PDB file of all heavy atoms in Angstrom:
ATOM      1  N   ASP A   1      86.885 -14.036-256.632  1.00  0.00           N
ATOM      2  CA  ASP A   1      86.729 -13.023-257.718  1.00  0.00           C
ATOM      3  C   ASP A   1      87.771 -11.881-257.393  1.00  0.00           C
ATOM      4  O   ASP A   1      87.499 -10.993-256.623  1.00  0.00           O
ATOM      5  CB  ASP A   1      85.313 -12.527-257.761  1.00  0.00           C
ATOM      6  CG  ASP A   1      85.137 -11.365-258.650  1.00  0.00           C
ATOM      7  OD1 ASP A   1      86.074 -10.984-259.487  1.00  0.00           O
ATOM      8  OD2 ASP A   1      84.026 -10.696-258.687  1.00  0.00           O
ATOM      9  N   CYS A   2      88.891 -11.892-258.058  1.00  0.00           N
ATOM     10  CA  CYS A   2      89.891 -10.941-257.716  1.00  0.00           C
ATOM     11  C   CYS A   2      89.758  -9.605-258.423  1.00  0.00           C
ATOM     12  O   CYS A   2      90.598  -8.696-258.153  1.00  0.00           O
ATOM     13  CB  CYS A   2      91.301 -11.537-258.129  1.00  0.00           C
ATOM     14  SG  CYS A   2      91.820 -12.885-257.073  1.00  0.00           S
ATOM     15  N   MET A   3      88.727  -9.496-259.312  1.00  0.00           N
ATOM     16  CA  MET A   3      88.553  -8.191-260.015  1.00  0.00           C
ATOM     17  C   MET A   3      87.399  -7.414-259.471  1.00  0.00           C
ATOM     18  O   MET A   3      87.140  -6.310-259.928  1.00  0.00           O
ATOM     19  CB  MET A   3      88.342  -8.536-261.504  1.00  0.00           C
ATOM     20  CG  MET A   3      89.393  -9.400-262.208  1.00  0.00           C
ATOM     21  SD  MET A   3      91.128  -9.006-261.737  1.00  0.00           S
ATOM     22  CE  MET A   3      91.308  -7.420-262.497  1.00  0.00           C
ATOM     23  N   GLY A   4      86.673  -7.891-258.514  1.00  0.00           N
ATOM     24  CA  GLY A   4      85.541  -7.232-257.900  1.00  0.00           C
ATOM     25  C   GLY A   4      85.906  -6.373-256.730  1.00  0.00           C
ATOM     26  O   GLY A   4      86.692  -6.855-255.930  1.00  0.00           O
ATOM     27  N   GLY A   5      85.244  -5.253-256.567  1.00  0.00           N
ATOM     28  CA  GLY A   5      85.493  -4.379-255.389  1.00  0.00           C
ATOM     29  C   GLY A   5      86.404  -3.229-255.649  1.00  0.00           C
ATOM     30  O   GLY A   5      87.154  -3.213-256.640  1.00  0.00           O
ATOM     31  N   ASP A   6      86.384  -2.290-254.743  1.00  0.00           N
ATOM     32  CA  ASP A   6      87.163  -1.070-254.870  1.00  0.00           C
ATOM     33  C   ASP A   6      88.619  -1.228-254.777  1.00  0.00           C
ATOM     34  O   ASP A   6      89.461  -0.528-255.268  1.00  0.00           O
ATOM     35  CB  ASP A   6      86.798  -0.012-253.815  1.00  0.00           C
ATOM     36  CG  ASP A   6      85.280   0.314-253.879  1.00  0.00           C
ATOM     37  OD1 ASP A   6      84.656   0.066-254.889  1.00  0.00           O
ATOM     38  OD2 ASP A   6      84.779   0.775-252.817  1.00  0.00           O
ATOM     39  N   ASN A   7      89.069  -2.358-254.075  1.00  0.00           N
ATOM     40  CA  ASN A   7      90.522  -2.544-253.797  1.00  0.00           C
ATOM     41  C   ASN A   7      91.047  -3.753-254.537  1.00  0.00           C
ATOM     42  O   ASN A   7      92.042  -4.393-254.043  1.00  0.00           O
ATOM     43  CB  ASN A   7      90.716  -2.634-252.314  1.00  0.00           C
ATOM     44  CG  ASN A   7      90.242  -1.432-251.566  1.00  0.00           C
ATOM     45  OD1 ASN A   7      90.603  -0.327-251.874  1.00  0.00           O
ATOM     46  ND2 ASN A   7      89.375  -1.636-250.522  1.00  0.00           N
ATOM     47  N   ALA A   8      90.467  -4.084-255.702  1.00  0.00           N
ATOM     48  CA  ALA A   8      90.896  -5.264-256.485  1.00  0.00           C
ATOM     49  C   ALA A   8      92.085  -4.803-257.373  1.00  0.00           C
ATOM     50  O   ALA A   8      92.235  -3.690-257.747  1.00  0.00           O
ATOM     51  CB  ALA A   8      89.831  -5.796-257.387  1.00  0.00           C
ATOM     52  N   PRO A   9      93.041  -5.767-257.563  1.00  0.00           N
ATOM     53  CA  PRO A   9      93.076  -7.152-257.099  1.00  0.00           C
ATOM     54  C   PRO A   9      93.918  -7.288-255.726  1.00  0.00           C
ATOM     55  O   PRO A   9      93.951  -8.355-255.254  1.00  0.00           O
ATOM     56  CB  PRO A   9      93.757  -7.895-258.228  1.00  0.00           C
ATOM     57  CG  PRO A   9      94.689  -6.889-258.768  1.00  0.00           C
ATOM     58  CD  PRO A   9      94.070  -5.568-258.656  1.00  0.00           C
ATOM     59  N   GLU A  10      94.502  -6.209-255.290  1.00  0.00           N
ATOM     60  CA  GLU A  10      95.458  -6.295-254.148  1.00  0.00           C
ATOM     61  C   GLU A  10      94.748  -6.878-252.899  1.00  0.00           C
ATOM     62  O   GLU A  10      95.339  -7.759-252.273  1.00  0.00           O
ATOM     63  CB  GLU A  10      96.083  -4.910-253.834  1.00  0.00           C
ATOM     64  CG  GLU A  10      97.076  -4.473-254.851  1.00  0.00           C
ATOM     65  CD  GLU A  10      96.401  -3.886-256.135  1.00  0.00           C
ATOM     66  OE1 GLU A  10      95.202  -3.551-256.081  1.00  0.00           O
ATOM     67  OE2 GLU A  10      97.085  -3.809-257.168  1.00  0.00           O
ATOM     68  N   ALA A  11      93.583  -6.281-252.518  1.00  0.00           N
ATOM     69  CA  ALA A  11      92.883  -6.774-251.325  1.00  0.00           C
ATOM     70  C   ALA A  11      92.486  -8.215-251.349  1.00  0.00           C
ATOM     71  O   ALA A  11      92.741  -8.996-250.404  1.00  0.00           O
ATOM     72  CB  ALA A  11      91.720  -5.843-250.982  1.00  0.00           C
ATOM     73  N   PRO A  12      91.812  -8.689-252.434  1.00  0.00           N
ATOM     74  CA  PRO A  12      91.449 -10.109-252.491  1.00  0.00           C
ATOM     75  C   PRO A  12      92.642 -11.058-252.480  1.00  0.00           C
ATOM     76  O   PRO A  12      92.653 -12.078-251.854  1.00  0.00           O
ATOM     77  CB  PRO A  12      90.578 -10.248-253.727  1.00  0.00           C
ATOM     78  CG  PRO A  12      90.775  -9.037-254.500  1.00  0.00           C
ATOM     79  CD  PRO A  12      91.145  -7.972-253.569  1.00  0.00           C
ATOM     80  N   VAL A  13      93.696 -10.639-253.198  1.00  0.00           N
ATOM     81  CA  VAL A  13      94.884 -11.525-253.207  1.00  0.00           C
ATOM     82  C   VAL A  13      95.504 -11.558-251.848  1.00  0.00           C
ATOM     83  O   VAL A  13      95.859 -12.639-251.349  1.00  0.00           O
ATOM     84  CB  VAL A  13      95.828 -10.983-254.296  1.00  0.00           C
ATOM     85  CG1 VAL A  13      97.213 -11.673-254.182  1.00  0.00           C
ATOM     86  CG2 VAL A  13      95.264 -11.201-255.749  1.00  0.00           C
ATOM     87  N   GLN A  14      95.745 -10.449-251.206  1.00  0.00           N
ATOM     88  CA  GLN A  14      96.385 -10.434-249.898  1.00  0.00           C
ATOM     89  C   GLN A  14      95.517 -11.120-248.847  1.00  0.00           C
ATOM     90  O   GLN A  14      96.022 -11.857-248.058  1.00  0.00           O
ATOM     91  CB  GLN A  14      96.626  -8.986-249.451  1.00  0.00           C
ATOM     92  CG  GLN A  14      97.466  -8.916-248.177  1.00  0.00           C
ATOM     93  CD  GLN A  14      98.838  -9.615-248.271  1.00  0.00           C
ATOM     94  OE1 GLN A  14      99.586  -9.228-249.091  1.00  0.00           O
ATOM     95  NE2 GLN A  14      99.032 -10.551-247.369  1.00  0.00           N
ATOM     96  N   GLY A  15      94.220 -10.956-248.969  1.00  0.00           N
ATOM     97  CA  GLY A  15      93.270 -11.630-248.045  1.00  0.00           C
ATOM     98  C   GLY A  15      93.391 -13.120-248.211  1.00  0.00           C
ATOM     99  O   GLY A  15      93.395 -13.901-247.186  1.00  0.00           O
ATOM    100  N   ALA A  16      93.536 -13.605-249.420  1.00  0.00           N
ATOM    101  CA  ALA A  16      93.619 -15.025-249.727  1.00  0.00           C
ATOM    102  C   ALA A  16      94.859 -15.613-249.129  1.00  0.00           C
ATOM    103  O   ALA A  16      94.948 -16.621-248.532  1.00  0.00           O
ATOM    104  CB  ALA A  16      93.526 -15.294-251.226  1.00  0.00           C
ATOM    105  N   LEU A  17      95.988 -14.853-249.355  1.00  0.00           N
ATOM    106  CA  LEU A  17      97.273 -15.279-248.767  1.00  0.00           C
ATOM    107  C   LEU A  17      97.243 -15.286-247.227  1.00  0.00           C
ATOM    108  O   LEU A  17      97.770 -16.259-246.611  1.00  0.00           O
ATOM    109  CB  LEU A  17      98.420 -14.369-249.197  1.00  0.00           C
ATOM    110  CG  LEU A  17      98.624 -14.297-250.750  1.00  0.00           C
ATOM    111  CD1 LEU A  17      99.832 -13.400-250.979  1.00  0.00           C
ATOM    112  CD2 LEU A  17      98.710 -15.625-251.361  1.00  0.00           C
ATOM    113  N   ASP A  18      96.616 -14.389-246.604  1.00  0.00           N
ATOM    114  CA  ASP A  18      96.472 -14.335-245.114  1.00  0.00           C
ATOM    115  C   ASP A  18      95.706 -15.488-244.652  1.00  0.00           C
ATOM    116  O   ASP A  18      96.013 -16.085-243.644  1.00  0.00           O
ATOM    117  CB  ASP A  18      95.863 -12.993-244.718  1.00  0.00           C
ATOM    118  CG  ASP A  18      96.750 -11.809-244.940  1.00  0.00           C
ATOM    119  OD1 ASP A  18      97.957 -11.983-245.149  1.00  0.00           O
ATOM    120  OD2 ASP A  18      96.281 -10.646-244.918  1.00  0.00           O
ATOM    121  N   ALA A  19      94.684 -15.843-245.373  1.00  0.00           N
ATOM    122  CA  ALA A  19      93.800 -16.993-245.003  1.00  0.00           C
ATOM    123  C   ALA A  19      94.579 -18.324-245.122  1.00  0.00           C
ATOM    124  O   ALA A  19      94.451 -19.179-244.254  1.00  0.00           O
ATOM    125  CB  ALA A  19      92.558 -17.025-245.867  1.00  0.00           C
ATOM    126  N   LEU A  20      95.328 -18.415-246.163  1.00  0.00           N
ATOM    127  CA  LEU A  20      96.174 -19.639-246.363  1.00  0.00           C
ATOM    128  C   LEU A  20      97.169 -19.733-245.256  1.00  0.00           C
ATOM    129  O   LEU A  20      97.412 -20.902-244.710  1.00  0.00           O
ATOM    130  CB  LEU A  20      96.940 -19.541-247.696  1.00  0.00           C
ATOM    131  CG  LEU A  20      96.236 -19.794-248.982  1.00  0.00           C
ATOM    132  CD1 LEU A  20      97.128 -19.554-250.220  1.00  0.00           C
ATOM    133  CD2 LEU A  20      95.599 -21.168-249.053  1.00  0.00           C
ATOM    134  N   ALA A  21      97.688 -18.661-244.711  1.00  0.00           N
ATOM    135  CA  ALA A  21      98.686 -18.708-243.632  1.00  0.00           C
ATOM    136  C   ALA A  21      97.996 -18.995-242.402  1.00  0.00           C
ATOM    137  O   ALA A  21      98.676 -19.736-241.480  1.00  0.00           O
ATOM    138  CB  ALA A  21      99.380 -17.335-243.541  1.00  0.00           C
ATOM    139  N   GLU A  22      96.764 -18.699-242.214  1.00  0.00           N
ATOM    140  CA  GLU A  22      96.039 -18.935-240.968  1.00  0.00           C
ATOM    141  C   GLU A  22      95.449 -20.383-240.862  1.00  0.00           C
ATOM    142  O   GLU A  22      95.180 -20.928-239.830  1.00  0.00           O
ATOM    143  CB  GLU A  22      95.025 -17.944-240.718  1.00  0.00           C
ATOM    144  CG  GLU A  22      94.433 -17.918-239.301  1.00  0.00           C
ATOM    145  CD  GLU A  22      93.784 -16.595-238.936  1.00  0.00           C
ATOM    146  OE1 GLU A  22      94.258 -15.531-239.326  1.00  0.00           O
ATOM    147  OE2 GLU A  22      92.805 -16.618-238.248  1.00  0.00           O
ATOM    148  N   SER A  23      95.098 -20.916-242.040  1.00  0.00           N
ATOM    149  CA  SER A  23      94.413 -22.248-242.002  1.00  0.00           C
ATOM    150  C   SER A  23      94.961 -23.167-243.056  1.00  0.00           C
ATOM    151  O   SER A  23      95.101 -22.747-244.227  1.00  0.00           O
ATOM    152  CB  SER A  23      92.917 -22.055-242.243  1.00  0.00           C
ATOM    153  OG  SER A  23      92.281 -23.324-242.366  1.00  0.00           O
ATOM    154  N   ASP A  24      95.191 -24.385-242.774  1.00  0.00           N
ATOM    155  CA  ASP A  24      95.722 -25.379-243.696  1.00  0.00           C
ATOM    156  C   ASP A  24      94.543 -26.223-244.287  1.00  0.00           C
ATOM    157  O   ASP A  24      94.750 -27.148-245.014  1.00  0.00           O
ATOM    158  CB  ASP A  24      96.726 -26.280-243.125  1.00  0.00           C
ATOM    159  CG  ASP A  24      96.199 -27.113-242.032  1.00  0.00           C
ATOM    160  OD1 ASP A  24      95.074 -26.976-241.585  1.00  0.00           O
ATOM    161  OD2 ASP A  24      97.022 -27.997-241.436  1.00  0.00           O
ATOM    162  N   GLU A  25      93.263 -25.794-244.002  1.00  0.00           N
ATOM    163  CA  GLU A  25      92.063 -26.412-244.421  1.00  0.00           C
ATOM    164  C   GLU A  25      91.522 -25.947-245.728  1.00  0.00           C
ATOM    165  O   GLU A  25      90.588 -26.512-246.262  1.00  0.00           O
ATOM    166  CB  GLU A  25      91.017 -26.417-243.397  1.00  0.00           C
ATOM    167  CG  GLU A  25      91.283 -27.082-242.050  1.00  0.00           C
ATOM    168  CD  GLU A  25      90.137 -27.018-241.135  1.00  0.00           C
ATOM    169  OE1 GLU A  25      89.314 -27.995-241.152  1.00  0.00           O
ATOM    170  OE2 GLU A  25      90.005 -26.138-240.283  1.00  0.00           O
ATOM    171  N   ILE A  26      92.119 -24.879-246.302  1.00  0.00           N
ATOM    172  CA  ILE A  26      91.632 -24.345-247.546  1.00  0.00           C
ATOM    173  C   ILE A  26      92.689 -24.330-248.699  1.00  0.00           C
ATOM    174  O   ILE A  26      93.827 -24.355-248.378  1.00  0.00           O
ATOM    175  CB  ILE A  26      91.128 -22.863-247.282  1.00  0.00           C
ATOM    176  CG1 ILE A  26      92.270 -22.002-246.884  1.00  0.00           C
ATOM    177  CG2 ILE A  26      89.981 -22.912-246.348  1.00  0.00           C
ATOM    178  CD1 ILE A  26      91.866 -20.532-246.833  1.00  0.00           C
ATOM    179  N   GLU A  27      92.121 -24.285-249.883  1.00  0.00           N
ATOM    180  CA  GLU A  27      92.914 -23.870-251.057  1.00  0.00           C
ATOM    181  C   GLU A  27      92.166 -22.671-251.662  1.00  0.00           C
ATOM    182  O   GLU A  27      91.001 -22.502-251.572  1.00  0.00           O
ATOM    183  CB  GLU A  27      92.894 -25.037-252.113  1.00  0.00           C
ATOM    184  CG  GLU A  27      93.628 -26.255-251.593  1.00  0.00           C
ATOM    185  CD  GLU A  27      93.607 -27.421-252.618  1.00  0.00           C
ATOM    186  OE1 GLU A  27      93.141 -27.160-253.816  1.00  0.00           O
ATOM    187  OE2 GLU A  27      93.888 -28.562-252.271  1.00  0.00           O
ATOM    188  N   VAL A  28      92.935 -21.857-252.344  1.00  0.00           N
ATOM    189  CA  VAL A  28      92.281 -20.678-253.021  1.00  0.00           C
ATOM    190  C   VAL A  28      92.600 -20.775-254.564  1.00  0.00           C
ATOM    191  O   VAL A  28      93.679 -21.110-255.035  1.00  0.00           O
ATOM    192  CB  VAL A  28      92.814 -19.329-252.452  1.00  0.00           C
ATOM    193  CG1 VAL A  28      92.390 -19.225-250.983  1.00  0.00           C
ATOM    194  CG2 VAL A  28      94.280 -19.182-252.546  1.00  0.00           C
ATOM    195  N   ILE A  29      91.576 -20.353-255.269  1.00  0.00           N
ATOM    196  CA  ILE A  29      91.667 -20.306-256.751  1.00  0.00           C
ATOM    197  C   ILE A  29      91.423 -18.776-257.034  1.00  0.00           C
ATOM    198  O   ILE A  29      90.296 -18.277-256.838  1.00  0.00           O
ATOM    199  CB  ILE A  29      90.568 -21.125-257.440  1.00  0.00           C
ATOM    200  CG1 ILE A  29      90.687 -22.567-256.963  1.00  0.00           C
ATOM    201  CG2 ILE A  29      90.730 -21.032-258.892  1.00  0.00           C
ATOM    202  CD1 ILE A  29      89.445 -23.474-257.358  1.00  0.00           C
ATOM    203  N   LEU A  30      92.431 -18.108-257.429  1.00  0.00           N
ATOM    204  CA  LEU A  30      92.369 -16.659-257.816  1.00  0.00           C
ATOM    205  C   LEU A  30      91.824 -16.511-259.177  1.00  0.00           C
ATOM    206  O   LEU A  30      92.546 -16.965-260.139  1.00  0.00           O
ATOM    207  CB  LEU A  30      93.681 -15.999-257.567  1.00  0.00           C
ATOM    208  CG  LEU A  30      94.348 -16.181-256.180  1.00  0.00           C
ATOM    209  CD1 LEU A  30      95.651 -15.452-256.083  1.00  0.00           C
ATOM    210  CD2 LEU A  30      93.362 -15.682-255.041  1.00  0.00           C
ATOM    211  N   VAL A  31      90.722 -15.940-259.331  1.00  0.00           N
ATOM    212  CA  VAL A  31      90.114 -15.804-260.700  1.00  0.00           C
ATOM    213  C   VAL A  31      90.080 -14.296-261.176  1.00  0.00           C
ATOM    214  O   VAL A  31      89.690 -13.429-260.439  1.00  0.00           O
ATOM    215  CB  VAL A  31      88.633 -16.321-260.606  1.00  0.00           C
ATOM    216  CG1 VAL A  31      88.038 -16.247-261.994  1.00  0.00           C
ATOM    217  CG2 VAL A  31      88.591 -17.670-260.053  1.00  0.00           C
ATOM    218  N   GLY A  32      90.610 -14.110-262.377  1.00  0.00           N
ATOM    219  CA  GLY A  32      90.624 -12.745-262.915  1.00  0.00           C
ATOM    220  C   GLY A  32      91.781 -12.630-263.950  1.00  0.00           C
ATOM    221  O   GLY A  32      92.302 -13.663-264.426  1.00  0.00           O
ATOM    222  N   ARG A  33      92.058 -11.395-264.269  1.00  0.00           N
ATOM    223  CA  ARG A  33      93.150 -11.155-265.308  1.00  0.00           C
ATOM    224  C   ARG A  33      94.460 -11.630-264.661  1.00  0.00           C
ATOM    225  O   ARG A  33      95.039 -11.076-263.672  1.00  0.00           O
ATOM    226  CB  ARG A  33      93.220  -9.740-265.646  1.00  0.00           C
ATOM    227  CG  ARG A  33      91.946  -9.265-266.438  1.00  0.00           C
ATOM    228  CD  ARG A  33      91.867  -7.810-266.644  1.00  0.00           C
ATOM    229  NE  ARG A  33      90.731  -7.363-267.471  1.00  0.00           N
ATOM    230  CZ  ARG A  33      90.151  -6.229-267.473  1.00  0.00           C
ATOM    231  NH1 ARG A  33      90.566  -5.280-266.686  1.00  0.00           N
ATOM    232  NH2 ARG A  33      89.127  -6.046-268.235  1.00  0.00           N
ATOM    233  N   GLU A  34      94.973 -12.663-265.353  1.00  0.00           N
ATOM    234  CA  GLU A  34      96.202 -13.399-264.721  1.00  0.00           C
ATOM    235  C   GLU A  34      97.387 -12.368-264.503  1.00  0.00           C
ATOM    236  O   GLU A  34      98.034 -12.506-263.439  1.00  0.00           O
ATOM    237  CB  GLU A  34      96.624 -14.458-265.651  1.00  0.00           C
ATOM    238  CG  GLU A  34      97.713 -15.324-265.032  1.00  0.00           C
ATOM    239  CD  GLU A  34      97.934 -16.654-265.743  1.00  0.00           C
ATOM    240  OE1 GLU A  34      97.314 -16.934-266.708  1.00  0.00           O
ATOM    241  OE2 GLU A  34      98.799 -17.430-265.263  1.00  0.00           O
TER     242      GLU A  34
END
């Protein structure tokens, strides 16, 4: 959910990218205003 929280959408998007860089076991679906 990229629109929830005080630091949306930058924090969820960056966190997702950092997670992708650290693990090849996940995919992320970014949900929100495109």
